[in-house]
Amino acid sequence: GSVAAVFPIHYPRPLLRAFGFLPVEVWGPPRAGGNWG
């Protein structure tokens, strides 16, 4: 399978899965730090 990084908040999980993408959500993440951003 393939992996899709999904940012918040609402999105079609089953549409991604139908194409073989596992949706994995990105809520930050907290420990990333903001310097590059």
Full PDB file with SEQRES, HELIX, SHEET, SSBOND, CRYST1, ORIGX, SCALE, CONECT and MASTER records, all heavy atoms in Angstrom:
SEQRES   1 A   37  GLY SER VAL ALA ALA VAL PHE PRO ILE HIS TYR PRO ARG          
SEQRES   2 A   37  PRO LEU LEU ARG ALA PHE GLY PHE LEU PRO VAL GLU VAL          
SEQRES   3 A   37  TRP GLY PRO PRO ARG ALA GLY GLY ASN TRP GLY                  
HELIX    1 AA1 ARG A   13  ALA A   18  1                                   6    
HELIX    2 AA2 PRO A   30  ALA A   32  5                                   3    
SHEET    1 AA1 2 SER A   2  VAL A   6  0                                        
SHEET    2 AA1 2 PHE A  21  GLU A  25  1                                        
CRYST1    1.000    1.000    1.000  90.00  90.00  90.00 P 1           1          
ORIGX1      1.000000  0.000000  0.000000        0.00000                         
ORIGX2      0.000000  1.000000  0.000000        0.00000                         
ORIGX3      0.000000  0.000000  1.000000        0.00000                         
SCALE1      1.000000  0.000000  0.000000        0.00000                         
SCALE2      0.000000  1.000000  0.000000        0.00000                         
SCALE3      0.000000  0.000000  1.000000        0.00000                         
ATOM      1  N   GLY A   1       0.810  -1.215   0.000  1.00  0.00           N  
ATOM      2  CA  GLY A   1       0.000   0.000   0.000  1.00  0.00           C  
ATOM      3  C   GLY A   1       0.839   1.260   0.000  1.00  0.00           C  
ATOM      4  O   GLY A   1       2.056   1.233   0.202  1.00  0.00           O  
ATOM      5  N   SER A   2       0.181   2.387  -0.215  1.00  0.00           N  
ATOM      6  CA  SER A   2       0.809   3.705  -0.149  1.00  0.00           C  
ATOM      7  C   SER A   2       0.220   4.472   1.025  1.00  0.00           C  
ATOM      8  O   SER A   2      -0.793   4.066   1.610  1.00  0.00           O  
ATOM      9  CB  SER A   2       0.576   4.474  -1.453  1.00  0.00           C  
ATOM     10  OG  SER A   2       1.090   3.763  -2.566  1.00  0.00           O  
ATOM     11  N   VAL A   3       0.849   5.578   1.380  1.00  0.00           N  
ATOM     12  CA  VAL A   3       0.440   6.346   2.559  1.00  0.00           C  
ATOM     13  C   VAL A   3       0.199   7.793   2.158  1.00  0.00           C  
ATOM     14  O   VAL A   3       1.003   8.387   1.430  1.00  0.00           O  
ATOM     15  CB  VAL A   3       1.500   6.269   3.678  1.00  0.00           C  
ATOM     16  CG1 VAL A   3       1.089   7.128   4.882  1.00  0.00           C  
ATOM     17  CG2 VAL A   3       1.715   4.820   4.115  1.00  0.00           C  
ATOM     18  N   ALA A   4      -0.900   8.355   2.629  1.00  0.00           N  
ATOM     19  CA  ALA A   4      -1.217   9.768   2.405  1.00  0.00           C  
ATOM     20  C   ALA A   4      -1.160  10.504   3.731  1.00  0.00           C  
ATOM     21  O   ALA A   4      -1.804  10.089   4.702  1.00  0.00           O  
ATOM     22  CB  ALA A   4      -2.605   9.916   1.781  1.00  0.00           C  
ATOM     23  N   ALA A   5      -0.390  11.579   3.799  1.00  0.00           N  
ATOM     24  CA  ALA A   5      -0.390  12.456   4.967  1.00  0.00           C  
ATOM     25  C   ALA A   5      -1.520  13.458   4.786  1.00  0.00           C  
ATOM     26  O   ALA A   5      -1.580  14.159   3.773  1.00  0.00           O  
ATOM     27  CB  ALA A   5       0.948  13.178   5.097  1.00  0.00           C  
ATOM     28  N   VAL A   6      -2.427  13.506   5.763  1.00  0.00           N  
ATOM     29  CA  VAL A   6      -3.619  14.343   5.659  1.00  0.00           C  
ATOM     30  C   VAL A   6      -3.611  15.372   6.780  1.00  0.00           C  
ATOM     31  O   VAL A   6      -3.450  15.025   7.956  1.00  0.00           O  
ATOM     32  CB  VAL A   6      -4.903  13.504   5.728  1.00  0.00           C  
ATOM     33  CG1 VAL A   6      -6.120  14.387   5.515  1.00  0.00           C  
ATOM     34  CG2 VAL A   6      -4.874  12.377   4.703  1.00  0.00           C  
ATOM     35  N   PHE A   7      -3.772  16.624   6.413  1.00  0.00           N  
ATOM     36  CA  PHE A   7      -3.824  17.703   7.388  1.00  0.00           C  
ATOM     37  C   PHE A   7      -5.271  17.905   7.832  1.00  0.00           C  
ATOM     38  O   PHE A   7      -6.209  17.445   7.177  1.00  0.00           O  
ATOM     39  CB  PHE A   7      -3.225  18.968   6.776  1.00  0.00           C  
ATOM     40  CG  PHE A   7      -1.775  18.788   6.388  1.00  0.00           C  
ATOM     41  CD1 PHE A   7      -1.426  18.290   5.136  1.00  0.00           C  
ATOM     42  CD2 PHE A   7      -0.763  19.074   7.286  1.00  0.00           C  
ATOM     43  CE1 PHE A   7      -0.100  18.092   4.776  1.00  0.00           C  
ATOM     44  CE2 PHE A   7       0.573  18.883   6.948  1.00  0.00           C  
ATOM     45  CZ  PHE A   7       0.906  18.388   5.693  1.00  0.00           C  
ATOM     46  N   PRO A   8      -5.501  18.580   8.966  1.00  0.00           N  
ATOM     47  CA  PRO A   8      -6.866  18.704   9.509  1.00  0.00           C  
ATOM     48  C   PRO A   8      -7.807  19.419   8.556  1.00  0.00           C  
ATOM     49  O   PRO A   8      -7.366  20.275   7.791  1.00  0.00           O  
ATOM     50  CB  PRO A   8      -6.646  19.534  10.791  1.00  0.00           C  
ATOM     51  CG  PRO A   8      -5.175  19.374  11.105  1.00  0.00           C  
ATOM     52  CD  PRO A   8      -4.500  19.258   9.793  1.00  0.00           C  
ATOM     53  N   ILE A   9      -9.119  19.146   8.600  1.00  0.00           N  
ATOM     54  CA  ILE A   9      -9.771  18.359   9.629  1.00  0.00           C  
ATOM     55  C   ILE A   9     -10.637  17.276   8.965  1.00  0.00           C  
ATOM     56  O   ILE A   9     -10.564  16.110   9.304  1.00  0.00           O  
ATOM     57  CB  ILE A   9     -10.653  19.265  10.511  1.00  0.00           C  
ATOM     58  CG1 ILE A   9      -9.785  20.309  11.228  1.00  0.00           C  
ATOM     59  CG2 ILE A   9     -11.458  18.465  11.529  1.00  0.00           C  
ATOM     60  CD1 ILE A   9     -10.625  21.388  11.914  1.00  0.00           C  
ATOM     61  N   HIS A  10     -11.484  17.679   8.010  1.00  0.00           N  
ATOM     62  CA  HIS A  10     -12.445  16.753   7.398  1.00  0.00           C  
ATOM     63  C   HIS A  10     -11.957  16.357   6.001  1.00  0.00           C  
ATOM     64  O   HIS A  10     -11.566  17.217   5.207  1.00  0.00           O  
ATOM     65  CB  HIS A  10     -13.817  17.405   7.293  1.00  0.00           C  
ATOM     66  CG  HIS A  10     -14.352  17.887   8.610  1.00  0.00           C  
ATOM     67  ND1 HIS A  10     -14.856  17.029   9.560  1.00  0.00           N  
ATOM     68  CD2 HIS A  10     -14.444  19.143   9.135  1.00  0.00           C  
ATOM     69  CE1 HIS A  10     -15.248  17.733  10.609  1.00  0.00           C  
ATOM     70  NE2 HIS A  10     -15.007  19.016  10.376  1.00  0.00           N  
ATOM     71  N   TYR A  11     -12.042  15.061   5.710  1.00  0.00           N  
ATOM     72  CA  TYR A  11     -11.569  14.567   4.417  1.00  0.00           C  
ATOM     73  C   TYR A  11     -12.186  13.199   4.161  1.00  0.00           C  
ATOM     74  O   TYR A  11     -12.704  12.555   5.082  1.00  0.00           O  
ATOM     75  CB  TYR A  11     -10.040  14.478   4.410  1.00  0.00           C  
ATOM     76  CG  TYR A  11      -9.493  13.465   5.396  1.00  0.00           C  
ATOM     77  CD1 TYR A  11      -9.169  12.179   4.995  1.00  0.00           C  
ATOM     78  CD2 TYR A  11      -9.325  13.801   6.744  1.00  0.00           C  
ATOM     79  CE1 TYR A  11      -8.680  11.249   5.900  1.00  0.00           C  
ATOM     80  CE2 TYR A  11      -8.839  12.880   7.656  1.00  0.00           C  
ATOM     81  CZ  TYR A  11      -8.523  11.617   7.232  1.00  0.00           C  
ATOM     82  OH  TYR A  11      -8.055  10.688   8.133  1.00  0.00           O  
ATOM     83  N   PRO A  12     -12.136  12.700   2.928  1.00  0.00           N  
ATOM     84  CA  PRO A  12     -12.786  11.424   2.587  1.00  0.00           C  
ATOM     85  C   PRO A  12     -11.850  10.229   2.769  1.00  0.00           C  
ATOM     86  O   PRO A  12     -11.171   9.798   1.831  1.00  0.00           O  
ATOM     87  CB  PRO A  12     -13.154  11.625   1.118  1.00  0.00           C  
ATOM     88  CG  PRO A  12     -12.054  12.503   0.582  1.00  0.00           C  
ATOM     89  CD  PRO A  12     -11.660  13.413   1.718  1.00  0.00           C  
ATOM     90  N   ARG A  13     -11.821   9.666   3.953  1.00  0.00           N  
ATOM     91  CA  ARG A  13     -10.972   8.496   4.201  1.00  0.00           C  
ATOM     92  C   ARG A  13     -11.215   7.374   3.191  1.00  0.00           C  
ATOM     93  O   ARG A  13     -10.263   6.824   2.627  1.00  0.00           O  
ATOM     94  CB  ARG A  13     -11.219   7.951   5.612  1.00  0.00           C  
ATOM     95  CG  ARG A  13     -10.609   8.754   6.764  1.00  0.00           C  
ATOM     96  CD  ARG A  13     -10.782   7.942   8.040  1.00  0.00           C  
ATOM     97  NE  ARG A  13     -10.264   8.630   9.223  1.00  0.00           N  
ATOM     98  CZ  ARG A  13     -11.029   9.236  10.123  1.00  0.00           C  
ATOM     99  NH1 ARG A  13     -12.338   9.271   9.953  1.00  0.00           N  
ATOM    100  NH2 ARG A  13     -10.498   9.807  11.174  1.00  0.00           N  
ATOM    101  N   PRO A  14     -12.490   6.977   2.964  1.00  0.00           N  
ATOM    102  CA  PRO A  14     -12.702   5.817   2.072  1.00  0.00           C  
ATOM    103  C   PRO A  14     -12.264   6.057   0.642  1.00  0.00           C  
ATOM    104  O   PRO A  14     -11.888   5.110  -0.053  1.00  0.00           O  
ATOM    105  CB  PRO A  14     -14.210   5.567   2.162  1.00  0.00           C  
ATOM    106  CG  PRO A  14     -14.801   6.814   2.710  1.00  0.00           C  
ATOM    107  CD  PRO A  14     -13.755   7.444   3.562  1.00  0.00           C  
ATOM    108  N   LEU A  15     -12.270   7.303   0.195  1.00  0.00           N  
ATOM    109  CA  LEU A  15     -11.817   7.582  -1.167  1.00  0.00           C  
ATOM    110  C   LEU A  15     -10.323   7.303  -1.279  1.00  0.00           C  
ATOM    111  O   LEU A  15      -9.860   6.699  -2.262  1.00  0.00           O  
ATOM    112  CB  LEU A  15     -12.121   9.039  -1.532  1.00  0.00           C  
ATOM    113  CG  LEU A  15     -11.732   9.487  -2.947  1.00  0.00           C  
ATOM    114  CD1 LEU A  15     -12.387   8.614  -4.012  1.00  0.00           C  
ATOM    115  CD2 LEU A  15     -12.108  10.955  -3.162  1.00  0.00           C  
ATOM    116  N   LEU A  16      -9.562   7.695  -0.300  1.00  0.00           N  
ATOM    117  CA  LEU A  16      -8.124   7.414  -0.308  1.00  0.00           C  
ATOM    118  C   LEU A  16      -7.864   5.916  -0.233  1.00  0.00           C  
ATOM    119  O   LEU A  16      -7.020   5.380  -0.960  1.00  0.00           O  
ATOM    120  CB  LEU A  16      -7.442   8.139   0.849  1.00  0.00           C  
ATOM    121  CG  LEU A  16      -7.419   9.663   0.765  1.00  0.00           C  
ATOM    122  CD1 LEU A  16      -6.958  10.280   2.086  1.00  0.00           C  
ATOM    123  CD2 LEU A  16      -6.515  10.131  -0.372  1.00  0.00           C  
ATOM    124  N   ARG A  17      -8.600   5.220   0.641  1.00  0.00           N  
ATOM    125  CA  ARG A  17      -8.388   3.779   0.770  1.00  0.00           C  
ATOM    126  C   ARG A  17      -8.734   3.041  -0.516  1.00  0.00           C  
ATOM    127  O   ARG A  17      -8.101   2.028  -0.858  1.00  0.00           O  
ATOM    128  CB  ARG A  17      -9.228   3.227   1.930  1.00  0.00           C  
ATOM    129  CG  ARG A  17      -8.705   3.539   3.309  1.00  0.00           C  
ATOM    130  CD  ARG A  17      -7.349   2.933   3.625  1.00  0.00           C  
ATOM    131  NE  ARG A  17      -7.285   1.505   3.463  1.00  0.00           N  
ATOM    132  CZ  ARG A  17      -7.680   0.609   4.357  1.00  0.00           C  
ATOM    133  NH1 ARG A  17      -8.211   1.011   5.510  1.00  0.00           N  
ATOM    134  NH2 ARG A  17      -7.527  -0.677   4.129  1.00  0.00           N  
ATOM    135  N   ALA A  18      -9.728   3.506  -1.235  1.00  0.00           N  
ATOM    136  CA  ALA A  18     -10.115   2.843  -2.489  1.00  0.00           C  
ATOM    137  C   ALA A  18      -8.977   2.871  -3.497  1.00  0.00           C  
ATOM    138  O   ALA A  18      -8.876   1.985  -4.353  1.00  0.00           O  
ATOM    139  CB  ALA A  18     -11.360   3.507  -3.068  1.00  0.00           C  
ATOM    140  N   PHE A  19      -8.111   3.888  -3.392  1.00  0.00           N  
ATOM    141  CA  PHE A  19      -6.957   3.990  -4.287  1.00  0.00           C  
ATOM    142  C   PHE A  19      -5.695   3.381  -3.673  1.00  0.00           C  
ATOM    143  O   PHE A  19      -4.603   3.526  -4.227  1.00  0.00           O  
ATOM    144  CB  PHE A  19      -6.699   5.448  -4.643  1.00  0.00           C  
ATOM    145  CG  PHE A  19      -7.612   5.973  -5.717  1.00  0.00           C  
ATOM    146  CD1 PHE A  19      -8.785   6.638  -5.393  1.00  0.00           C  
ATOM    147  CD2 PHE A  19      -7.304   5.803  -7.063  1.00  0.00           C  
ATOM    148  CE1 PHE A  19      -9.639   7.121  -6.388  1.00  0.00           C  
ATOM    149  CE2 PHE A  19      -8.139   6.281  -8.056  1.00  0.00           C  
ATOM    150  CZ  PHE A  19      -9.311   6.938  -7.720  1.00  0.00           C  
ATOM    151  N   GLY A  20      -5.832   2.724  -2.525  1.00  0.00           N  
ATOM    152  CA  GLY A  20      -4.685   2.066  -1.908  1.00  0.00           C  
ATOM    153  C   GLY A  20      -3.863   2.944  -0.996  1.00  0.00           C  
ATOM    154  O   GLY A  20      -2.780   2.531  -0.566  1.00  0.00           O  
ATOM    155  N   PHE A  21      -4.366   4.140  -0.655  1.00  0.00           N  
ATOM    156  CA  PHE A  21      -3.642   5.048   0.242  1.00  0.00           C  
ATOM    157  C   PHE A  21      -4.196   4.938   1.658  1.00  0.00           C  
ATOM    158  O   PHE A  21      -5.407   5.072   1.866  1.00  0.00           O  
ATOM    159  CB  PHE A  21      -3.777   6.505  -0.218  1.00  0.00           C  
ATOM    160  CG  PHE A  21      -3.023   6.837  -1.469  1.00  0.00           C  
ATOM    161  CD1 PHE A  21      -3.659   6.811  -2.702  1.00  0.00           C  
ATOM    162  CD2 PHE A  21      -1.677   7.185  -1.416  1.00  0.00           C  
ATOM    163  CE1 PHE A  21      -2.974   7.118  -3.863  1.00  0.00           C  
ATOM    164  CE2 PHE A  21      -0.991   7.493  -2.568  1.00  0.00           C  
ATOM    165  CZ  PHE A  21      -1.627   7.462  -3.796  1.00  0.00           C  
ATOM    166  N   LEU A  22      -3.329   4.703   2.628  1.00  0.00           N  
ATOM    167  CA  LEU A  22      -3.708   4.760   4.028  1.00  0.00           C  
ATOM    168  C   LEU A  22      -3.611   6.206   4.502  1.00  0.00           C  
ATOM    169  O   LEU A  22      -2.528   6.796   4.487  1.00  0.00           O  
ATOM    170  CB  LEU A  22      -2.790   3.886   4.878  1.00  0.00           C  
ATOM    171  CG  LEU A  22      -2.996   4.001   6.396  1.00  0.00           C  
ATOM    172  CD1 LEU A  22      -4.347   3.405   6.793  1.00  0.00           C  
ATOM    173  CD2 LEU A  22      -1.856   3.330   7.149  1.00  0.00           C  
ATOM    174  N   PRO A  23      -4.712   6.834   4.922  1.00  0.00           N  
ATOM    175  CA  PRO A  23      -4.621   8.204   5.422  1.00  0.00           C  
ATOM    176  C   PRO A  23      -4.046   8.239   6.835  1.00  0.00           C  
ATOM    177  O   PRO A  23      -4.501   7.529   7.730  1.00  0.00           O  
ATOM    178  CB  PRO A  23      -6.079   8.682   5.408  1.00  0.00           C  
ATOM    179  CG  PRO A  23      -6.905   7.450   5.459  1.00  0.00           C  
ATOM    180  CD  PRO A  23      -6.100   6.349   4.832  1.00  0.00           C  
ATOM    181  N   VAL A  24      -3.020   9.047   7.012  1.00  0.00           N  
ATOM    182  CA  VAL A  24      -2.390   9.245   8.323  1.00  0.00           C  
ATOM    183  C   VAL A  24      -2.405  10.750   8.601  1.00  0.00           C  
ATOM    184  O   VAL A  24      -1.855  11.533   7.822  1.00  0.00           O  
ATOM    185  CB  VAL A  24      -0.950   8.691   8.343  1.00  0.00           C  
ATOM    186  CG1 VAL A  24      -0.280   9.011   9.667  1.00  0.00           C  
ATOM    187  CG2 VAL A  24      -0.955   7.188   8.088  1.00  0.00           C  
ATOM    188  N   GLU A  25      -3.027  11.145   9.686  1.00  0.00           N  
ATOM    189  CA  GLU A  25      -3.262  12.563   9.931  1.00  0.00           C  
ATOM    190  C   GLU A  25      -2.055  13.250  10.561  1.00  0.00           C  
ATOM    191  O   GLU A  25      -1.316  12.647  11.340  1.00  0.00           O  
ATOM    192  CB  GLU A  25      -4.499  12.741  10.807  1.00  0.00           C  
ATOM    193  CG  GLU A  25      -5.756  12.198  10.130  1.00  0.00           C  
ATOM    194  CD  GLU A  25      -6.981  12.280  11.010  1.00  0.00           C  
ATOM    195  OE1 GLU A  25      -6.965  13.030  12.016  1.00  0.00           O  
ATOM    196  OE2 GLU A  25      -7.965  11.589  10.699  1.00  0.00           O  
ATOM    197  N   VAL A  26      -1.898  14.523  10.237  1.00  0.00           N  
ATOM    198  CA  VAL A  26      -0.785  15.337  10.730  1.00  0.00           C  
ATOM    199  C   VAL A  26      -1.378  16.518  11.491  1.00  0.00           C  
ATOM    200  O   VAL A  26      -1.846  17.478  10.903  1.00  0.00           O  
ATOM    201  CB  VAL A  26       0.101  15.838   9.566  1.00  0.00           C  
ATOM    202  CG1 VAL A  26       1.272  16.654  10.105  1.00  0.00           C  
ATOM    203  CG2 VAL A  26       0.594  14.677   8.718  1.00  0.00           C  
ATOM    204  N   TRP A  27      -1.362  16.420  12.825  1.00  0.00           N  
ATOM    205  CA  TRP A  27      -1.866  17.494  13.687  1.00  0.00           C  
ATOM    206  C   TRP A  27      -0.682  18.227  14.297  1.00  0.00           C  
ATOM    207  O   TRP A  27      -0.471  18.244  15.498  1.00  0.00           O  
ATOM    208  CB  TRP A  27      -2.768  16.930  14.779  1.00  0.00           C  
ATOM    209  CG  TRP A  27      -4.050  16.406  14.263  1.00  0.00           C  
ATOM    210  CD1 TRP A  27      -4.276  15.162  13.737  1.00  0.00           C  
ATOM    211  CD2 TRP A  27      -5.294  17.102  14.204  1.00  0.00           C  
ATOM    212  NE1 TRP A  27      -5.586  15.040  13.354  1.00  0.00           N  
ATOM    213  CE2 TRP A  27      -6.245  16.216  13.631  1.00  0.00           C  
ATOM    214  CE3 TRP A  27      -5.708  18.381  14.578  1.00  0.00           C  
ATOM    215  CZ2 TRP A  27      -7.569  16.574  13.426  1.00  0.00           C  
ATOM    216  CZ3 TRP A  27      -7.024  18.727  14.383  1.00  0.00           C  
ATOM    217  CH2 TRP A  27      -7.937  17.841  13.816  1.00  0.00           C  
ATOM    218  N   GLY A  28       0.095  18.833  13.482  1.00  0.00           N  
ATOM    219  CA  GLY A  28       1.272  19.565  13.955  1.00  0.00           C  
ATOM    220  C   GLY A  28       2.543  19.024  13.312  1.00  0.00           C  
ATOM    221  O   GLY A  28       2.964  19.530  12.285  1.00  0.00           O  
ATOM    222  N   PRO A  29       3.126  17.955  13.895  1.00  0.00           N  
ATOM    223  CA  PRO A  29       2.864  17.395  15.209  1.00  0.00           C  
ATOM    224  C   PRO A  29       3.526  18.229  16.301  1.00  0.00           C  
ATOM    225  O   PRO A  29       4.366  19.089  15.992  1.00  0.00           O  
ATOM    226  CB  PRO A  29       3.497  16.004  15.114  1.00  0.00           C  
ATOM    227  CG  PRO A  29       4.611  16.183  14.144  1.00  0.00           C  
ATOM    228  CD  PRO A  29       4.142  17.215  13.154  1.00  0.00           C  
ATOM    229  N   PRO A  30       3.188  18.003  17.580  1.00  0.00           N  
ATOM    230  CA  PRO A  30       3.663  18.889  18.643  1.00  0.00           C  
ATOM    231  C   PRO A  30       5.169  19.016  18.730  1.00  0.00           C  
ATOM    232  O   PRO A  30       5.690  20.104  19.004  1.00  0.00           O  
ATOM    233  CB  PRO A  30       3.090  18.231  19.908  1.00  0.00           C  
ATOM    234  CG  PRO A  30       1.880  17.511  19.434  1.00  0.00           C  
ATOM    235  CD  PRO A  30       2.231  17.009  18.071  1.00  0.00           C  
ATOM    236  N   ARG A  31       5.912  17.936  18.526  1.00  0.00           N  
ATOM    237  CA  ARG A  31       7.365  17.972  18.740  1.00  0.00           C  
ATOM    238  C   ARG A  31       8.149  18.376  17.492  1.00  0.00           C  
ATOM    239  O   ARG A  31       9.367  18.322  17.481  1.00  0.00           O  
ATOM    240  CB  ARG A  31       7.845  16.602  19.230  1.00  0.00           C  
ATOM    241  CG  ARG A  31       7.318  16.252  20.608  1.00  0.00           C  
ATOM    242  CD  ARG A  31       7.765  17.268  21.622  1.00  0.00           C  
ATOM    243  NE  ARG A  31       7.078  17.123  22.892  1.00  0.00           N  
ATOM    244  CZ  ARG A  31       7.083  18.018  23.838  1.00  0.00           C  
ATOM    245  NH1 ARG A  31       7.703  19.164  23.664  1.00  0.00           N  
ATOM    246  NH2 ARG A  31       6.446  17.811  24.973  1.00  0.00           N  
ATOM    247  N   ALA A  32       7.463  18.814  16.448  1.00  0.00           N  
ATOM    248  CA  ALA A  32       8.179  19.179  15.225  1.00  0.00           C  
ATOM    249  C   ALA A  32       8.973  20.456  15.396  1.00  0.00           C  
ATOM    250  O   ALA A  32      10.028  20.647  14.798  1.00  0.00           O  
ATOM    251  CB  ALA A  32       7.193  19.334  14.067  1.00  0.00           C  
ATOM    252  N   GLY A  33       8.477  21.384  16.221  1.00  0.00           N  
ATOM    253  CA  GLY A  33       9.131  22.693  16.308  1.00  0.00           C  
ATOM    254  C   GLY A  33       8.768  23.521  15.090  1.00  0.00           C  
ATOM    255  O   GLY A  33       8.487  22.987  14.016  1.00  0.00           O  
ATOM    256  N   GLY A  34       8.755  24.823  15.235  1.00  0.00           N  
ATOM    257  CA  GLY A  34       8.263  25.662  14.161  1.00  0.00           C  
ATOM    258  C   GLY A  34       9.297  26.421  13.368  1.00  0.00           C  
ATOM    259  O   GLY A  34       8.955  27.284  12.559  1.00  0.00           O  
ATOM    260  N   ASN A  35      10.586  26.141  13.561  1.00  0.00           N  
ATOM    261  CA  ASN A  35      11.614  26.993  12.967  1.00  0.00           C  
ATOM    262  C   ASN A  35      11.557  27.025  11.447  1.00  0.00           C  
ATOM    263  O   ASN A  35      11.586  28.097  10.840  1.00  0.00           O  
ATOM    264  CB  ASN A  35      13.009  26.534  13.428  1.00  0.00           C  
ATOM    265  CG  ASN A  35      13.212  26.766  14.910  1.00  0.00           C  
ATOM    266  OD1 ASN A  35      12.549  27.617  15.498  1.00  0.00           O  
ATOM    267  ND2 ASN A  35      14.110  26.009  15.513  1.00  0.00           N  
ATOM    268  N   TRP A  36      11.493  25.854  10.803  1.00  0.00           N  
ATOM    269  CA  TRP A  36      11.464  25.838   9.345  1.00  0.00           C  
ATOM    270  C   TRP A  36      10.172  26.451   8.833  1.00  0.00           C  
ATOM    271  O   TRP A  36      10.151  27.196   7.855  1.00  0.00           O  
ATOM    272  CB  TRP A  36      11.624  24.400   8.844  1.00  0.00           C  
ATOM    273  CG  TRP A  36      12.000  24.309   7.391  1.00  0.00           C  
ATOM    274  CD1 TRP A  36      13.256  24.373   6.859  1.00  0.00           C  
ATOM    275  CD2 TRP A  36      11.096  24.132   6.288  1.00  0.00           C  
ATOM    276  NE1 TRP A  36      13.201  24.238   5.501  1.00  0.00           N  
ATOM    277  CE2 TRP A  36      11.892  24.099   5.110  1.00  0.00           C  
ATOM    278  CE3 TRP A  36       9.729  24.006   6.180  1.00  0.00           C  
ATOM    279  CZ2 TRP A  36      11.341  23.925   3.856  1.00  0.00           C  
ATOM    280  CZ3 TRP A  36       9.167  23.841   4.918  1.00  0.00           C  
ATOM    281  CH2 TRP A  36       9.968  23.806   3.772  1.00  0.00           C  
ATOM    282  N   GLY A  37       9.077  26.146   9.509  1.00  0.00           N  
ATOM    283  CA  GLY A  37       7.799  26.698   9.094  1.00  0.00           C  
ATOM    284  C   GLY A  37       7.734  28.209   9.239  1.00  0.00           C  
ATOM    285  O   GLY A  37       7.056  28.886   8.455  1.00  0.00           O  
TER     286      GLY A  37                                                      
MASTER        0    0    0    2    2    0    0    6  285    1    0    3          
END                                                                             
